[in-house]
């Protein structure tokens, strides 16, 4: 017997926000949010304010390689 997982609170929230913006019904908005989240989950995270680590070349140099003038 297969049991379906519950929809996460993040997806429910995003679907409600989409409903307010577009006027779609909840099920349509939820499906659109789920489809968008599965195709590019990293981009969706950045839109919600998750901070991503920068490239390695922009990080601080170790103490022993800095100029000590």
C-alpha atoms as a PDB file:
ATOM      1  CA  UNK A   1       0.000   0.000   0.000  1.00  0.00           C
ATOM      2  CA  UNK A   2       1.389   3.418  -0.990  1.00  0.00           C
ATOM      3  CA  UNK A   3       1.089   6.411   1.285  1.00  0.00           C
ATOM      4  CA  UNK A   4       1.502   9.957   0.018  1.00  0.00           C
ATOM      5  CA  UNK A   5       3.726  12.369   1.910  1.00  0.00           C
ATOM      6  CA  UNK A   6       2.221  15.555   3.243  1.00  0.00           C
ATOM      7  CA  UNK A   7       2.896  18.785   1.396  1.00  0.00           C
ATOM      8  CA  UNK A   8       5.640  20.719   3.167  1.00  0.00           C
ATOM      9  CA  UNK A   9       4.770  23.975   4.885  1.00  0.00           C
ATOM     10  CA  UNK A  10       7.167  25.820   2.572  1.00  0.00           C
ATOM     11  CA  UNK A  11       5.322  24.566  -0.514  1.00  0.00           C
ATOM     12  CA  UNK A  12       1.929  25.375   1.004  1.00  0.00           C
ATOM     13  CA  UNK A  13       3.110  28.885   1.860  1.00  0.00           C
ATOM     14  CA  UNK A  14       4.565  29.449  -1.605  1.00  0.00           C
ATOM     15  CA  UNK A  15       1.362  28.201  -3.219  1.00  0.00           C
ATOM     16  CA  UNK A  16      -0.744  30.601  -1.127  1.00  0.00           C
ATOM     17  CA  UNK A  17       1.545  33.505  -2.057  1.00  0.00           C
ATOM     18  CA  UNK A  18       1.260  32.549  -5.724  1.00  0.00           C
ATOM     19  CA  UNK A  19      -2.538  32.418  -5.388  1.00  0.00           C
ATOM     20  CA  UNK A  20      -2.556  35.987  -4.057  1.00  0.00           C
ATOM     21  CA  UNK A  21      -0.337  37.232  -6.878  1.00  0.00           C
ATOM     22  CA  UNK A  22      -1.894  35.400  -9.829  1.00  0.00           C
ATOM     23  CA  UNK A  23      -5.463  34.664  -8.759  1.00  0.00           C
ATOM     24  CA  UNK A  24      -5.012  30.958  -9.499  1.00  0.00           C
ATOM     25  CA  UNK A  25      -6.774  28.244  -7.556  1.00  0.00           C
ATOM     26  CA  UNK A  26      -4.774  26.582  -4.763  1.00  0.00           C
ATOM     27  CA  UNK A  27      -4.256  23.260  -6.542  1.00  0.00           C
ATOM     28  CA  UNK A  28      -3.029  24.979  -9.723  1.00  0.00           C
ATOM     29  CA  UNK A  29      -0.679  27.224  -7.750  1.00  0.00           C
ATOM     30  CA  UNK A  30       0.612  24.283  -5.686  1.00  0.00           C
ATOM     31  CA  UNK A  31       1.351  22.241  -8.804  1.00  0.00           C
ATOM     32  CA  UNK A  32       3.186  25.172 -10.392  1.00  0.00           C
ATOM     33  CA  UNK A  33       5.259  25.701  -7.232  1.00  0.00           C
ATOM     34  CA  UNK A  34       6.074  22.003  -7.013  1.00  0.00           C
ATOM     35  CA  UNK A  35       7.047  21.840 -10.697  1.00  0.00           C
ATOM     36  CA  UNK A  36       9.245  24.925 -10.381  1.00  0.00           C
ATOM     37  CA  UNK A  37      10.863  23.587  -7.208  1.00  0.00           C
ATOM     38  CA  UNK A  38      11.735  20.215  -8.675  1.00  0.00           C
ATOM     39  CA  UNK A  39      13.286  21.660 -11.831  1.00  0.00           C
ATOM     40  CA  UNK A  40      15.569  24.190 -10.125  1.00  0.00           C
ATOM     41  CA  UNK A  41      15.615  23.781  -6.369  1.00  0.00           C
ATOM     42  CA  UNK A  42      18.827  25.807  -5.872  1.00  0.00           C
ATOM     43  CA  UNK A  43      17.424  28.835  -7.690  1.00  0.00           C
ATOM     44  CA  UNK A  44      14.222  28.637  -5.679  1.00  0.00           C
ATOM     45  CA  UNK A  45      16.246  28.645  -2.485  1.00  0.00           C
ATOM     46  CA  UNK A  46      18.117  31.772  -3.508  1.00  0.00           C
ATOM     47  CA  UNK A  47      14.848  33.595  -4.166  1.00  0.00           C
ATOM     48  CA  UNK A  48      13.744  32.879  -0.614  1.00  0.00           C
ATOM     49  CA  UNK A  49      16.839  34.449   0.901  1.00  0.00           C
ATOM     50  CA  UNK A  50      19.126  31.496   1.447  1.00  0.00           C
ATOM     51  CA  UNK A  51      22.711  32.676   1.377  1.00  0.00           C
ATOM     52  CA  UNK A  52      24.991  30.759  -0.917  1.00  0.00           C
ATOM     53  CA  UNK A  53      28.730  30.439  -0.373  1.00  0.00           C
ATOM     54  CA  UNK A  54      30.750  32.597  -2.739  1.00  0.00           C
ATOM     55  CA  UNK A  55      33.390  31.292  -5.126  1.00  0.00           C
ATOM     56  CA  UNK A  56      36.616  30.097  -3.530  1.00  0.00           C
ATOM     57  CA  UNK A  57      38.709  32.855  -5.140  1.00  0.00           C
ATOM     58  CA  UNK A  58      36.744  35.623  -3.370  1.00  0.00           C
ATOM     59  CA  UNK A  59      37.224  34.224   0.118  1.00  0.00           C
ATOM     60  CA  UNK A  60      39.788  35.614   2.546  1.00  0.00           C
ATOM     61  CA  UNK A  61      43.349  34.480   2.195  1.00  0.00           C
ATOM     62  CA  UNK A  62      44.932  32.587   5.104  1.00  0.00           C
ATOM     63  CA  UNK A  63      46.739  34.733   7.711  1.00  0.00           C
ATOM     64  CA  UNK A  64      50.206  33.684   6.596  1.00  0.00           C
ATOM     65  CA  UNK A  65      49.756  35.004   3.021  1.00  0.00           C
ATOM     66  CA  UNK A  66      48.384  38.484   3.841  1.00  0.00           C
ATOM     67  CA  UNK A  67      50.540  41.587   3.539  1.00  0.00           C
ATOM     68  CA  UNK A  68      51.737  42.678   6.996  1.00  0.00           C
ATOM     69  CA  UNK A  69      52.790  46.275   6.227  1.00  0.00           C
END
